[in-house]
Amino acid sequence: MEMENKLIAVLSCNGGTVTHGSGPATQLFVATLRGMHVFERTGQGSPWQRTRSALEDRHVSALLYEPQSELLFAGAHGKGGMWVSRDLGVTWEPRGNGLKSDHVYTLAAQQRDGRVVLYLGTEPSALYRSDDLGENWVEVSAMLSVPDQDKWTFPPPPHVAHVKNVAFHPAQPDTLYVCIEQGALLKTTDDGATWTEPRSYESEQDKFYHDNHRVLIRPSNPAQLFMCGGEGLHYSADAGETWTHLMTRADRIGYPDAMFIDPRDENVLYLGGPGNAPREWGAKRSADATVLRSRDGGATWEEIRNGLPAEVIGNIEGMGLYQWADQVMLLAGTATGETYASEDGGENWYTVADDLPPISKGGHYRWFLQVDEREQVEDRMRTGT
């Protein structure tokens, strides 16, 4: 259990988006285009105050708070690298020993027999593991033995795929799922020694090739999986062998990424995102993003947006879920720098901040800029700066 003064919620596009505490969160860490921003409050119902920021010269892509060690990890896009803080983000030190790329996309922590194993995904696509809290990283090189890697890509320049998400079987620690954006859903059942690609979700109607964003595993029945991506939301009842297409690009959220299973009721799902893929945001100058909730395991959905703007212009790029007792707080951050929170399961939302740097996966924020600014961003993306 976290100590009372470490009631920490995290809002991040990738990484450790679910945290727990013994009471309502009093600290909030937000990953943005220009570093990590910290908000604090005295208790539930009191206003959040922005108190400090860090790593402001880096586009923080993933945050991970590890409560056992009380370490805070931050991975950054481009050449931003991997960082750790022992004092909740006041001071930082690099932890990239063994990494071949400084472009960190995602982080994940797994509990194994009372110890913590960390995983890190990069661009270009590679998966790394650390058994010493990031002091050293070892590549899980067998992941790159699967076929069809020549088809892996990513639409924005420089068109290089990345590891987007890592998910763990709750009872079989040797079983992992890895989402490659774009290119594959990969699975190992022998701790990374060999990998398969369950791919029956693909369709001739898919606009994108294997554009997989995130996998969620139902804790009570780990054979049941939810996978969201560029073609909507898929569900599998047999550990990924076969899939049902629950939500397509024609639905209210056709390009989902942020997704949670409610820890209090596994039939309740939360989903955040836009109706369409990024290029259409630029044409419309809006993602028209929203948050949906399902109470029946994904069969039907309702919008939960009381307190959100009539139109959410910047896409909801990052979300967080914080649980205490029988309550959850949901967090949503946009590519135009707004942060929203709900402390009643999405029934009511309020604004935490509306003037942050973009909360953005990669260069998604560029679609909400003027054309000349967007072209400048794309030039920097091509060179990896």
Protein backbone atom coordinates (compact mmCIF):
# COMPACT_ATOMS: atom_id res chain seq x y z
CA MET A 1 0.00 0.00 0.00
CA GLU A 2 1.28 3.44 -0.87
CA MET A 3 1.98 5.81 2.00
CA GLU A 4 -0.57 8.58 2.52
CA ASN A 5 1.77 11.24 1.15
CA LYS A 6 2.29 9.30 -2.07
CA LEU A 7 -1.21 9.17 -3.47
CA ILE A 8 -0.04 9.44 -7.06
CA ALA A 9 -2.03 9.51 -10.28
CA VAL A 10 -0.35 9.45 -13.70
CA LEU A 11 -1.52 10.83 -17.04
CA SER A 12 0.61 9.54 -19.90
CA CYS A 13 0.15 8.47 -23.52
CA ASN A 14 2.08 5.28 -22.87
CA GLY A 15 3.54 3.62 -19.80
CA GLY A 16 2.04 3.03 -16.37
CA THR A 17 -1.37 4.62 -16.77
CA VAL A 18 -3.01 2.75 -13.84
CA THR A 19 -2.07 3.55 -10.23
CA HIS A 20 -3.55 2.79 -6.81
CA GLY A 21 -3.58 4.44 -3.40
CA SER A 22 -5.15 4.35 0.04
CA GLY A 23 -7.14 7.55 -0.55
CA PRO A 24 -7.93 10.17 -3.20
CA ALA A 25 -4.92 11.21 -5.27
CA THR A 26 -3.06 14.29 -4.04
CA GLN A 27 -0.32 14.31 -6.70
CA LEU A 28 -0.73 14.11 -10.46
CA PHE A 29 2.12 13.59 -12.94
CA VAL A 30 1.37 14.60 -16.55
CA ALA A 31 3.61 13.67 -19.51
CA THR A 32 3.75 16.37 -22.19
CA LEU A 33 5.61 17.58 -25.25
CA ARG A 34 7.76 19.71 -22.95
CA GLY A 35 8.47 17.57 -19.96
CA MET A 36 6.55 16.28 -16.97
CA HIS A 37 4.25 18.64 -15.10
CA VAL A 38 3.24 18.05 -11.48
CA PHE A 39 -0.06 19.03 -9.89
CA GLU A 40 -0.86 18.79 -6.19
CA ARG A 41 -3.88 19.29 -3.96
CA THR A 42 -4.66 18.93 -0.27
CA GLY A 43 -7.52 16.50 -0.74
CA GLN A 44 -10.49 15.47 -2.84
CA GLY A 45 -12.58 18.47 -3.82
CA SER A 46 -9.77 20.97 -3.40
CA PRO A 47 -8.31 22.56 -6.55
CA TRP A 48 -5.25 21.15 -8.28
CA GLN A 49 -2.26 23.49 -8.33
CA ARG A 50 0.61 23.16 -10.78
CA THR A 51 3.67 23.10 -8.53
CA ARG A 52 6.64 22.20 -10.71
CA SER A 53 7.89 20.69 -13.95
CA ALA A 54 10.90 18.69 -15.08
CA LEU A 55 12.61 17.38 -18.22
CA GLU A 56 11.17 20.36 -20.09
CA ASP A 57 13.57 19.93 -23.01
CA ARG A 58 12.17 16.45 -23.70
CA HIS A 59 8.94 15.10 -25.16
CA VAL A 60 7.96 12.68 -22.41
CA SER A 61 6.16 9.75 -24.01
CA ALA A 62 5.80 7.40 -21.03
CA LEU A 63 5.68 7.76 -17.26
CA LEU A 64 5.78 4.87 -14.82
CA TYR A 65 5.55 5.15 -11.03
CA GLU A 66 6.78 1.97 -9.33
CA PRO A 67 5.39 1.99 -5.75
CA GLN A 68 7.56 -0.81 -4.36
CA SER A 69 10.80 1.10 -5.01
CA GLU A 70 9.09 4.53 -5.05
CA LEU A 71 10.94 5.28 -8.29
CA LEU A 72 9.48 7.39 -11.06
CA PHE A 73 10.54 6.49 -14.62
CA ALA A 74 10.24 8.69 -17.70
CA GLY A 75 10.85 7.71 -21.31
CA ALA A 76 11.07 10.35 -24.03
CA HIS A 77 10.51 10.49 -27.77
CA GLY A 78 13.17 11.34 -30.34
CA LYS A 79 16.59 11.33 -28.72
CA GLY A 80 15.11 12.00 -25.28
CA GLY A 81 16.23 8.77 -23.63
CA MET A 82 15.31 6.98 -20.42
CA TRP A 83 15.32 8.67 -17.00
CA VAL A 84 14.62 7.83 -13.37
CA SER A 85 13.85 9.98 -10.33
CA ARG A 86 14.24 8.95 -6.69
CA ASP A 87 12.40 12.02 -5.39
CA LEU A 88 9.20 12.06 -7.44
CA GLY A 89 10.58 14.10 -10.30
CA VAL A 90 12.62 16.77 -8.56
CA THR A 91 15.95 15.37 -9.76
CA TRP A 92 16.66 12.88 -12.54
CA GLU A 93 19.41 10.57 -13.71
CA PRO A 94 19.74 8.66 -17.00
CA ARG A 95 19.05 4.91 -17.09
CA GLY A 96 19.73 3.87 -20.64
CA ASN A 97 22.53 1.34 -20.23
CA GLY A 98 22.00 -1.37 -22.86
CA LEU A 99 19.50 0.53 -25.00
CA LYS A 100 20.28 0.83 -28.70
CA SER A 101 17.75 3.63 -29.21
CA ASP A 102 17.09 6.79 -27.22
CA HIS A 103 13.58 7.01 -28.68
CA VAL A 104 11.56 5.46 -25.84
CA TYR A 105 7.92 4.81 -26.62
CA THR A 106 6.52 2.79 -23.73
CA LEU A 107 7.26 1.39 -20.28
CA ALA A 108 5.62 -1.42 -18.30
CA ALA A 109 6.18 -3.05 -14.91
CA GLN A 110 5.49 -6.67 -14.03
CA GLN A 111 5.39 -8.18 -10.55
CA ARG A 112 7.17 -11.54 -10.37
CA ASP A 113 7.49 -13.38 -7.04
CA GLY A 114 7.75 -10.16 -5.08
CA ARG A 115 10.19 -8.49 -7.44
CA VAL A 116 9.70 -6.02 -10.26
CA VAL A 117 10.60 -6.64 -13.89
CA LEU A 118 10.54 -3.63 -16.21
CA TYR A 119 9.93 -3.68 -19.95
CA LEU A 120 10.68 -0.86 -22.38
CA GLY A 121 9.68 -0.45 -26.02
CA THR A 122 11.49 1.77 -28.51
CA GLU A 123 11.41 3.11 -32.02
CA PRO A 124 12.74 1.39 -34.13
CA SER A 125 10.79 -1.59 -32.80
CA ALA A 126 12.69 -3.32 -30.04
CA LEU A 127 11.72 -4.70 -26.63
CA TYR A 128 14.04 -4.47 -23.62
CA ARG A 129 13.88 -6.01 -20.16
CA SER A 130 15.43 -4.90 -16.88
CA ASP A 131 15.64 -6.98 -13.70
CA ASP A 132 17.41 -4.25 -11.72
CA LEU A 133 14.96 -1.34 -11.95
CA GLY A 134 16.45 0.07 -15.12
CA GLU A 135 20.11 0.04 -14.16
CA ASN A 136 20.70 -2.28 -17.10
CA TRP A 137 18.54 -3.22 -20.08
CA VAL A 138 18.76 -6.40 -22.16
CA GLU A 139 17.07 -6.65 -25.53
CA VAL A 140 14.50 -9.42 -26.00
CA SER A 141 15.97 -10.04 -29.43
CA ALA A 142 13.85 -13.10 -30.27
CA MET A 143 10.87 -10.79 -30.71
CA LEU A 144 12.36 -9.71 -34.02
CA SER A 145 12.39 -13.28 -35.36
CA VAL A 146 8.77 -13.15 -36.56
CA PRO A 147 8.05 -12.93 -40.31
CA ASP A 148 6.73 -9.94 -42.28
CA GLN A 149 8.84 -7.32 -40.54
CA ASP A 150 9.35 -5.69 -43.92
CA LYS A 151 5.68 -4.63 -43.69
CA TRP A 152 6.11 -2.87 -40.34
CA THR A 153 5.83 0.89 -40.71
CA PHE A 154 4.38 4.05 -39.21
CA PRO A 155 2.60 6.64 -41.41
CA PRO A 156 4.40 9.78 -40.13
CA PRO A 157 8.00 10.36 -41.16
CA PRO A 158 10.45 8.67 -40.91
CA HIS A 159 7.95 5.76 -41.33
CA VAL A 160 9.59 3.56 -38.68
CA ALA A 161 7.46 1.29 -36.48
CA HIS A 162 7.70 1.15 -32.69
CA VAL A 163 6.68 -0.95 -29.69
CA LYS A 164 3.47 0.74 -28.52
CA ASN A 165 2.25 -1.42 -25.64
CA VAL A 166 3.23 -4.39 -23.46
CA ALA A 167 0.59 -6.42 -21.60
CA PHE A 168 1.08 -9.23 -19.07
CA HIS A 169 -0.95 -12.35 -18.33
CA PRO A 170 -2.01 -11.95 -14.66
CA ALA A 171 -1.32 -15.56 -13.67
CA GLN A 172 1.33 -16.74 -16.15
CA PRO A 173 4.29 -14.34 -15.97
CA ASP A 174 5.96 -15.92 -19.00
CA THR A 175 3.06 -14.85 -21.23
CA LEU A 176 3.29 -11.37 -22.76
CA TYR A 177 1.54 -9.53 -25.57
CA VAL A 178 3.30 -6.75 -27.48
CA CYS A 179 1.67 -4.30 -29.88
CA ILE A 180 3.79 -3.08 -32.79
CA GLU A 181 2.51 0.16 -34.30
CA GLN A 182 2.08 -0.55 -37.16
CA GLY A 183 2.85 -4.15 -37.91
CA ALA A 184 1.89 -6.87 -35.48
CA LEU A 185 0.33 -8.20 -32.34
CA LEU A 186 3.01 -10.46 -30.91
CA LYS A 187 2.66 -13.10 -28.19
CA THR A 188 5.12 -15.16 -26.17
CA THR A 189 4.30 -17.90 -23.68
CA ASP A 190 7.91 -18.79 -22.81
CA ASP A 191 9.22 -15.50 -21.42
CA GLY A 192 10.32 -14.12 -24.76
CA ALA A 193 12.23 -17.12 -26.09
CA THR A 194 9.80 -17.63 -28.98
CA TRP A 195 7.01 -15.49 -30.43
CA THR A 196 3.86 -15.97 -32.48
CA GLU A 197 1.62 -13.50 -34.27
CA PRO A 198 -2.11 -14.12 -33.72
CA ARG A 199 -3.47 -12.28 -36.74
CA SER A 200 -7.00 -13.47 -37.40
CA TYR A 201 -8.27 -9.96 -36.64
CA GLU A 202 -7.00 -8.69 -40.02
CA SER A 203 -9.51 -7.94 -42.76
CA GLU A 204 -9.41 -6.99 -46.43
CA GLN A 205 -11.34 -3.85 -45.46
CA ASP A 206 -8.64 -2.63 -43.05
CA LYS A 207 -7.34 0.79 -43.99
CA PHE A 208 -4.20 0.29 -41.93
CA TYR A 209 -1.93 -2.75 -41.74
CA HIS A 210 -2.03 -4.33 -38.26
CA ASP A 211 -2.31 -0.96 -36.52
CA ASN A 212 -2.42 -2.22 -32.94
CA HIS A 213 -2.37 0.23 -30.05
CA ARG A 214 -3.14 -1.57 -26.81
CA VAL A 215 -4.18 -4.91 -25.30
CA LEU A 216 -6.17 -5.34 -22.08
CA ILE A 217 -6.54 -8.71 -20.39
CA ARG A 218 -9.55 -9.56 -18.23
CA PRO A 219 -8.05 -10.47 -14.82
CA SER A 220 -10.64 -13.10 -13.88
CA ASN A 221 -10.41 -14.84 -17.28
CA PRO A 222 -7.11 -14.05 -19.04
CA ALA A 223 -8.25 -15.79 -22.23
CA GLN A 224 -10.50 -12.78 -22.79
CA LEU A 225 -8.65 -9.92 -24.47
CA PHE A 226 -9.55 -6.47 -25.75
CA MET A 227 -7.36 -4.87 -28.41
CA CYS A 228 -7.81 -1.36 -29.75
CA GLY A 229 -6.13 0.26 -32.72
CA GLY A 230 -6.52 2.00 -36.02
CA GLU A 231 -9.40 -0.27 -37.04
CA GLY A 232 -11.41 0.11 -33.85
CA LEU A 233 -11.88 -2.37 -30.99
CA HIS A 234 -11.50 -6.14 -31.15
CA TYR A 235 -12.36 -8.83 -28.59
CA SER A 236 -11.02 -12.37 -28.22
CA ALA A 237 -12.33 -15.10 -25.93
CA ASP A 238 -9.54 -17.55 -26.74
CA ALA A 239 -6.30 -15.71 -25.96
CA GLY A 240 -6.07 -14.07 -29.34
CA GLU A 241 -6.69 -17.01 -31.66
CA THR A 242 -9.97 -15.58 -32.98
CA TRP A 243 -11.41 -12.07 -32.73
CA THR A 244 -14.75 -10.29 -32.84
CA HIS A 245 -14.82 -6.73 -34.19
CA LEU A 246 -16.75 -4.83 -31.50
CA MET A 247 -16.21 -1.31 -32.79
CA THR A 248 -15.19 -0.21 -36.29
CA ARG A 249 -14.04 3.02 -37.89
CA ALA A 250 -17.72 3.83 -38.50
CA ASP A 251 -18.41 4.04 -34.76
CA ARG A 252 -18.17 7.09 -32.47
CA ILE A 253 -14.56 6.22 -31.59
CA GLY A 254 -13.07 4.64 -34.68
CA TYR A 255 -9.44 5.15 -33.74
CA PRO A 256 -9.20 4.20 -30.03
CA ASP A 257 -6.04 4.06 -27.98
CA ALA A 258 -6.60 4.87 -24.30
CA MET A 259 -8.63 2.06 -22.72
CA PHE A 260 -9.31 0.64 -19.24
CA ILE A 261 -11.16 -2.19 -17.59
CA ASP A 262 -12.79 -0.89 -14.41
CA PRO A 263 -11.04 -2.69 -11.51
CA ARG A 264 -14.33 -2.75 -9.58
CA ASP A 265 -16.40 -4.39 -12.33
CA GLU A 266 -14.76 -6.16 -15.27
CA ASN A 267 -17.82 -5.63 -17.45
CA VAL A 268 -17.26 -1.88 -17.33
CA LEU A 269 -14.85 -0.52 -19.96
CA TYR A 270 -13.68 3.03 -20.64
CA LEU A 271 -12.43 4.18 -24.03
CA GLY A 272 -11.08 7.54 -25.13
CA GLY A 273 -10.33 8.86 -28.58
CA PRO A 274 -11.58 10.35 -31.86
CA GLY A 275 -13.91 9.20 -34.58
CA ASN A 276 -11.25 9.10 -37.27
CA ALA A 277 -7.52 8.76 -37.86
CA PRO A 278 -5.04 11.65 -37.56
CA ARG A 279 -4.98 12.95 -41.12
CA GLU A 280 -8.67 13.79 -40.88
CA TRP A 281 -8.02 15.87 -37.76
CA GLY A 282 -5.92 18.24 -39.82
CA ALA A 283 -8.56 18.61 -42.51
CA LYS A 284 -11.28 19.35 -39.94
CA ARG A 285 -9.01 21.19 -37.49
CA SER A 286 -10.57 19.00 -34.82
CA ALA A 287 -10.42 15.42 -33.59
CA ASP A 288 -13.91 15.72 -32.04
CA ALA A 289 -12.70 13.34 -29.33
CA THR A 290 -14.82 11.81 -26.58
CA VAL A 291 -14.91 9.25 -23.78
CA LEU A 292 -17.15 6.20 -23.92
CA ARG A 293 -18.22 3.69 -21.27
CA SER A 294 -19.56 0.18 -21.71
CA ARG A 295 -21.35 -1.64 -18.90
CA ASP A 296 -21.69 -4.94 -20.77
CA GLY A 297 -18.16 -5.90 -21.76
CA GLY A 298 -18.04 -3.83 -24.92
CA ALA A 299 -21.35 -4.82 -26.52
CA THR A 300 -22.93 -1.37 -26.16
CA TRP A 301 -21.46 2.06 -25.41
CA GLU A 302 -22.53 5.44 -24.08
CA GLU A 303 -20.77 8.81 -24.14
CA ILE A 304 -19.78 10.13 -20.71
CA ARG A 305 -18.88 13.75 -21.22
CA ASN A 306 -20.76 15.87 -18.67
CA GLY A 307 -18.34 18.69 -17.88
CA LEU A 308 -16.25 18.22 -21.03
CA PRO A 309 -16.38 20.87 -23.79
CA ALA A 310 -19.12 20.56 -26.39
CA GLU A 311 -16.34 19.66 -28.84
CA VAL A 312 -12.97 18.34 -27.70
CA ILE A 313 -10.73 19.76 -30.42
CA GLY A 314 -7.42 18.12 -29.55
CA ASN A 315 -7.49 14.35 -29.56
CA ILE A 316 -7.56 12.59 -26.21
CA GLU A 317 -4.07 11.16 -26.52
CA GLY A 318 -3.42 10.05 -22.95
CA MET A 319 -5.54 8.76 -20.10
CA GLY A 320 -5.00 7.57 -16.57
CA LEU A 321 -6.95 5.59 -13.99
CA TYR A 322 -6.35 5.91 -10.26
CA GLN A 323 -8.14 3.59 -7.80
CA TRP A 324 -8.69 3.91 -4.08
CA ALA A 325 -11.10 1.81 -2.01
CA ASP A 326 -14.20 1.38 -4.20
CA GLN A 327 -13.67 4.55 -6.22
CA VAL A 328 -11.80 5.43 -9.41
CA MET A 329 -10.56 8.68 -10.88
CA LEU A 330 -10.29 8.94 -14.67
CA LEU A 331 -7.93 11.39 -16.33
CA ALA A 332 -7.86 12.55 -19.94
CA GLY A 333 -5.23 14.70 -21.68
CA THR A 334 -5.42 16.24 -25.14
CA ALA A 335 -3.03 17.07 -27.95
CA THR A 336 -3.90 20.74 -27.45
CA GLY A 337 -2.87 20.77 -23.79
CA GLU A 338 -6.05 20.28 -21.76
CA THR A 339 -6.32 17.89 -18.81
CA TYR A 340 -9.68 16.70 -17.49
CA ALA A 341 -10.58 14.52 -14.50
CA SER A 342 -13.59 12.58 -13.24
CA GLU A 343 -13.79 11.12 -9.76
CA ASP A 344 -17.11 9.33 -10.18
CA GLY A 345 -16.45 6.87 -12.98
CA GLY A 346 -16.91 9.38 -15.76
CA GLU A 347 -20.30 10.73 -14.73
CA ASN A 348 -18.92 14.24 -14.23
CA TRP A 349 -15.70 15.85 -15.47
CA TYR A 350 -13.82 18.96 -14.47
CA THR A 351 -10.84 20.81 -15.91
CA VAL A 352 -7.50 20.35 -14.17
CA ALA A 353 -5.56 22.56 -16.61
CA ASP A 354 -6.14 24.05 -20.05
CA ASP A 355 -2.71 25.54 -20.78
CA LEU A 356 -0.28 22.64 -20.77
CA PRO A 357 2.02 21.71 -23.65
CA PRO A 358 0.45 19.06 -25.90
CA ILE A 359 -0.11 15.64 -24.41
CA SER A 360 0.73 13.75 -27.56
CA LYS A 361 1.74 10.37 -28.88
CA GLY A 362 4.64 11.12 -31.19
CA GLY A 363 3.84 13.95 -33.55
CA HIS A 364 0.05 13.77 -33.33
CA TYR A 365 -0.09 17.29 -31.90
CA ARG A 366 1.07 18.68 -35.24
CA TRP A 367 -2.38 18.21 -36.79
CA PHE A 368 -3.72 21.03 -34.62
CA LEU A 369 -1.03 23.52 -35.70
CA GLN A 370 -0.93 25.88 -38.65
CA VAL A 371 0.32 24.25 -41.87
CA ASP A 372 3.76 25.87 -41.76
CA GLU A 373 4.24 24.85 -38.11
CA ARG A 374 3.13 21.33 -38.93
CA GLU A 375 5.68 21.08 -41.73
CA GLN A 376 8.42 22.22 -39.37
CA VAL A 377 7.44 19.47 -36.92
CA GLU A 378 7.50 16.88 -39.68
CA ASP A 379 10.97 18.03 -40.73
CA ARG A 380 12.17 17.46 -37.17
CA MET A 381 10.48 14.05 -37.09
CA ARG A 382 12.37 12.99 -40.21
CA THR A 383 15.69 13.77 -38.56
CA GLY A 384 14.70 12.35 -35.18
CA THR A 385 15.22 15.62 -33.30
